[in-house]
Every structure is written in C-alpha cells, then in structure tokens.
Protein backbone atom coordinates (compact mmCIF):
# COMPACT_ATOMS: atom_id res chain seq x y z
CA UNK A 1 28.36 -14.45 -34.59
CA UNK A 2 27.05 -12.94 -37.82
CA UNK A 3 27.79 -9.20 -38.04
CA UNK A 4 24.11 -8.35 -38.53
CA UNK A 5 23.32 -9.82 -35.10
CA UNK A 6 26.27 -8.29 -33.30
CA UNK A 7 24.63 -4.87 -33.10
CA UNK A 8 21.57 -6.41 -31.41
CA UNK A 9 23.54 -7.73 -28.45
CA UNK A 10 23.15 -5.78 -25.21
CA UNK A 11 26.15 -3.58 -24.49
CA UNK A 12 25.57 -3.51 -20.73
CA UNK A 13 24.05 -0.04 -20.91
CA UNK A 14 20.29 0.22 -20.89
CA UNK A 15 18.82 2.88 -23.08
CA UNK A 16 15.74 4.54 -21.66
CA UNK A 17 12.66 3.10 -23.30
CA UNK A 18 10.57 5.47 -25.32
CA UNK A 19 6.97 5.61 -24.15
CA UNK A 20 4.57 3.87 -26.48
CA UNK A 21 2.60 6.24 -28.67
CA UNK A 22 -1.01 6.72 -27.56
CA UNK A 23 -3.71 4.63 -29.19
CA UNK A 24 -7.19 6.08 -29.69
CA UNK A 25 -10.22 3.82 -29.94
CA UNK A 26 -12.83 5.82 -31.80
CA UNK A 27 -15.90 3.90 -30.59
CA UNK A 28 -16.84 1.01 -28.29
CA UNK A 29 -20.49 -0.01 -28.40
CA UNK A 30 -22.48 -2.71 -26.58
CA UNK A 31 -26.13 -3.19 -27.50
CA UNK A 32 -28.56 -5.29 -25.45
CA UNK A 33 -25.74 -6.77 -23.35
CA UNK A 34 -26.00 -8.71 -20.08
CA UNK A 35 -23.86 -9.13 -16.95
CA UNK A 36 -24.30 -11.65 -14.12
CA UNK A 37 -22.29 -10.84 -10.98
CA UNK A 38 -22.03 -13.40 -8.17
CA UNK A 39 -20.85 -11.88 -4.89
CA UNK A 40 -19.48 -14.72 -2.75
CA UNK A 41 -18.23 -12.41 0.00
CA UNK A 42 -21.64 -11.81 1.57
CA UNK A 43 -21.97 -13.06 5.18
CA UNK A 44 -24.55 -15.82 4.63
CA UNK A 45 -25.55 -16.64 1.07
CA UNK A 46 -23.86 -15.55 -2.15
CA UNK A 47 -25.82 -12.83 -3.94
CA UNK A 48 -26.37 -12.97 -7.71
CA UNK A 49 -27.02 -9.62 -9.38
CA UNK A 50 -28.17 -9.66 -12.99
CA UNK A 51 -28.09 -6.62 -15.24
CA UNK A 52 -29.89 -6.78 -18.57
CA UNK A 53 -30.57 -4.57 -21.56
CA UNK A 54 -27.16 -2.93 -21.21
CA UNK A 55 -26.52 -0.28 -23.82
CA UNK A 56 -23.10 1.33 -23.68
CA UNK A 57 -21.23 3.64 -26.02
CA UNK A 58 -17.82 5.21 -25.47
CA UNK A 59 -16.12 7.53 -27.93
CA UNK A 60 -12.48 8.56 -28.31
CA UNK A 61 -10.89 6.41 -25.60
CA UNK A 62 -7.14 7.09 -25.51
CA UNK A 63 -4.66 4.60 -24.04
CA UNK A 64 -2.50 5.29 -22.13
CA UNK A 65 -5.06 7.45 -20.41
CA UNK A 66 -4.63 11.16 -20.90
CA UNK A 67 -5.83 14.09 -18.84
CA UNK A 68 -8.84 14.57 -21.08
CA UNK A 69 -12.18 12.82 -20.60
CA UNK A 70 -13.83 10.33 -22.96
CA UNK A 71 -17.51 10.77 -23.79
CA UNK A 72 -19.72 7.85 -22.78
CA UNK A 73 -23.36 6.87 -22.32
CA UNK A 74 -24.57 3.90 -20.25
CA UNK A 75 -28.01 2.48 -19.56
CA UNK A 76 -29.05 -0.84 -18.00
CA UNK A 77 -31.87 -2.48 -16.06
CA UNK A 78 -31.82 -4.76 -13.04
CA UNK A 79 -34.78 -7.14 -13.34
CA UNK A 80 -37.05 -7.24 -10.30
CA UNK A 81 -37.59 -10.73 -8.95
CA UNK A 82 -40.22 -11.36 -6.32
CA UNK A 83 -38.53 -13.33 -3.59
CA UNK A 84 -40.15 -15.44 -0.91
CA UNK A 85 -38.93 -14.60 2.56
CA UNK A 86 -39.48 -17.26 5.22
C-alpha cells in the first residue's frame, strides 16, 4: 500500500465526528407560487385543495436549526369554487 494511503486506513478507533458548521441562508423567496394538495385519506372521496398566489419570504434561516427564530412572511389564497351538491 502506498504510504500516502496508509494514514487514511481506519485504525479500529473511531474519532468523534465534529459537528458540521452551521449554514445560513440569507433569503428564500417565492412569488406567485401555487400548491395542489390531494388528500387521499378522506373517508369517501379524495379532497383536492389548491392554494394560489403564494408569496413567501424567509430571512436568515440557519441549518442546523438554532435556538433563535427566523423572520418570515407568508400570504396565500384558496380559490372559492362553487360546488354542486346532489
């Protein structure tokens, strides 16, 4: 085995892993987004919920999560659909 690789071989002892340094995402922004959610666990018929005009902004998100809070703003609309009930 080449000497430069010999030091990379496990010695049988595990060194404790250092925690990864935190990563901060300065800004996440969604403008005029949309989400369709199909709930198939309803008793009779699956229910489709649509959200439109989603505007979302989050600032200073730190991962792994810390004890401090991240600022965020969220707005969305759920379109009203006139349904026929028999």
